Amino acid sequence: MPGGYRETIDQPALTSVFDLEAARRADSFDKLVRDMGTLLNVPVPPRP
């Protein structure tokens, strides 16, 4: 980002293009999702 990252301006655009299924293919992100599910005591769907 040429002007630097500004959370209140840039976050909505970044969130709208974030592909959660693609991110889950990364071992480290999948582990984060599973660990968060464990901490929050919620079921986590299987990895795509």
N, C-alpha and C. Protein backbone atom coordinates (compact mmCIF):
# COMPACT_ATOMS: atom_id res chain seq x y z
N MET A 1 0.85 -1.16 0.00
CA MET A 1 0.00 0.00 0.00
C MET A 1 0.90 1.23 0.00
N PRO A 2 0.87 1.97 -1.07
CA PRO A 2 1.80 3.08 -1.23
C PRO A 2 1.76 4.10 -0.10
N GLY A 3 0.58 4.43 0.39
CA GLY A 3 0.48 5.44 1.46
C GLY A 3 0.55 4.84 2.85
N GLY A 4 0.79 3.54 2.95
CA GLY A 4 0.81 2.88 4.24
C GLY A 4 -0.55 2.30 4.57
N TYR A 5 -0.58 1.41 5.50
CA TYR A 5 -1.81 0.74 5.90
C TYR A 5 -2.57 1.60 6.89
N ARG A 6 -3.84 1.86 6.62
CA ARG A 6 -4.72 2.60 7.52
C ARG A 6 -5.89 1.68 7.83
N GLU A 7 -5.91 1.14 9.04
CA GLU A 7 -6.86 0.10 9.40
C GLU A 7 -8.31 0.47 9.09
N THR A 8 -8.74 1.63 9.49
CA THR A 8 -10.14 1.99 9.31
C THR A 8 -10.53 2.15 7.85
N ILE A 9 -9.56 2.43 7.01
CA ILE A 9 -9.84 2.60 5.58
C ILE A 9 -9.56 1.31 4.81
N ASP A 10 -8.46 0.65 5.10
CA ASP A 10 -8.02 -0.49 4.31
C ASP A 10 -8.60 -1.83 4.74
N GLN A 11 -8.96 -2.01 6.00
CA GLN A 11 -9.40 -3.31 6.49
C GLN A 11 -10.64 -3.84 5.79
N PRO A 12 -11.68 -3.03 5.56
CA PRO A 12 -12.85 -3.58 4.87
C PRO A 12 -12.53 -4.13 3.48
N ALA A 13 -11.68 -3.45 2.74
CA ALA A 13 -11.32 -3.93 1.40
C ALA A 13 -10.52 -5.23 1.49
N LEU A 14 -9.60 -5.32 2.43
CA LEU A 14 -8.80 -6.54 2.58
C LEU A 14 -9.69 -7.71 3.03
N THR A 15 -10.60 -7.45 3.95
CA THR A 15 -11.48 -8.50 4.44
C THR A 15 -12.40 -9.01 3.33
N SER A 16 -12.84 -8.13 2.46
CA SER A 16 -13.77 -8.54 1.41
C SER A 16 -13.14 -9.47 0.38
N VAL A 17 -11.81 -9.46 0.26
CA VAL A 17 -11.16 -10.33 -0.73
C VAL A 17 -10.43 -11.51 -0.09
N PHE A 18 -10.49 -11.62 1.25
CA PHE A 18 -9.81 -12.71 1.94
C PHE A 18 -10.53 -14.02 1.68
N ASP A 19 -9.82 -15.01 1.20
CA ASP A 19 -10.39 -16.32 0.88
C ASP A 19 -10.06 -17.29 2.02
N LEU A 20 -11.04 -17.52 2.89
CA LEU A 20 -10.82 -18.36 4.07
C LEU A 20 -10.48 -19.80 3.68
N GLU A 21 -11.12 -20.33 2.65
CA GLU A 21 -10.82 -21.70 2.22
C GLU A 21 -9.38 -21.82 1.72
N ALA A 22 -8.93 -20.85 0.96
CA ALA A 22 -7.54 -20.86 0.48
C ALA A 22 -6.58 -20.74 1.65
N ALA A 23 -6.91 -19.90 2.62
CA ALA A 23 -6.04 -19.73 3.78
C ALA A 23 -5.95 -21.01 4.60
N ARG A 24 -7.05 -21.76 4.69
CA ARG A 24 -7.04 -23.01 5.46
C ARG A 24 -6.13 -24.06 4.84
N ARG A 25 -5.75 -23.91 3.58
CA ARG A 25 -4.83 -24.86 2.95
C ARG A 25 -3.41 -24.72 3.51
N ALA A 26 -3.12 -23.60 4.12
CA ALA A 26 -1.81 -23.40 4.75
C ALA A 26 -1.84 -24.07 6.13
N ASP A 27 -0.86 -24.92 6.38
CA ASP A 27 -0.83 -25.66 7.64
C ASP A 27 -0.92 -24.75 8.86
N SER A 28 -0.18 -23.66 8.86
CA SER A 28 -0.14 -22.79 10.04
C SER A 28 -1.49 -22.10 10.27
N PHE A 29 -2.16 -21.67 9.20
CA PHE A 29 -3.46 -21.02 9.36
C PHE A 29 -4.51 -22.04 9.80
N ASP A 30 -4.44 -23.24 9.25
CA ASP A 30 -5.38 -24.28 9.65
C ASP A 30 -5.22 -24.60 11.13
N LYS A 31 -3.99 -24.64 11.60
CA LYS A 31 -3.75 -24.90 13.02
C LYS A 31 -4.34 -23.77 13.87
N LEU A 32 -4.19 -22.54 13.42
CA LEU A 32 -4.78 -21.41 14.14
C LEU A 32 -6.30 -21.58 14.23
N VAL A 33 -6.94 -21.93 13.12
CA VAL A 33 -8.39 -22.11 13.11
C VAL A 33 -8.79 -23.23 14.07
N ARG A 34 -8.10 -24.36 14.03
CA ARG A 34 -8.43 -25.47 14.92
C ARG A 34 -8.20 -25.10 16.38
N ASP A 35 -7.10 -24.42 16.67
CA ASP A 35 -6.82 -24.01 18.05
C ASP A 35 -7.85 -23.01 18.56
N MET A 36 -8.28 -22.09 17.70
CA MET A 36 -9.31 -21.13 18.11
C MET A 36 -10.64 -21.86 18.37
N GLY A 37 -10.95 -22.85 17.55
CA GLY A 37 -12.15 -23.64 17.78
C GLY A 37 -12.10 -24.34 19.13
N THR A 38 -10.94 -24.88 19.46
CA THR A 38 -10.76 -25.55 20.75
C THR A 38 -10.92 -24.55 21.89
N LEU A 39 -10.28 -23.41 21.79
CA LEU A 39 -10.35 -22.40 22.85
C LEU A 39 -11.78 -21.88 23.05
N LEU A 40 -12.49 -21.72 21.95
CA LEU A 40 -13.85 -21.18 22.02
C LEU A 40 -14.91 -22.26 22.16
N ASN A 41 -14.46 -23.51 22.15
CA ASN A 41 -15.36 -24.66 22.29
C ASN A 41 -16.44 -24.65 21.21
N VAL A 42 -16.00 -24.43 19.96
CA VAL A 42 -16.94 -24.47 18.82
C VAL A 42 -16.42 -25.47 17.80
N PRO A 43 -17.32 -26.13 17.10
CA PRO A 43 -16.87 -27.09 16.08
C PRO A 43 -16.22 -26.36 14.90
N VAL A 44 -15.18 -26.97 14.37
CA VAL A 44 -14.48 -26.42 13.21
C VAL A 44 -14.70 -27.37 12.05
N PRO A 45 -15.20 -26.87 10.92
CA PRO A 45 -15.40 -27.77 9.77
C PRO A 45 -14.07 -28.32 9.29
N PRO A 46 -14.11 -29.48 8.65
CA PRO A 46 -12.85 -30.06 8.16
C PRO A 46 -12.18 -29.15 7.12
N ARG A 47 -10.91 -29.34 7.03
CA ARG A 47 -10.10 -28.57 6.08
C ARG A 47 -10.58 -28.88 4.65
N PRO A 48 -10.70 -27.84 3.80
CA PRO A 48 -11.13 -28.09 2.42
C PRO A 48 -10.09 -28.87 1.62
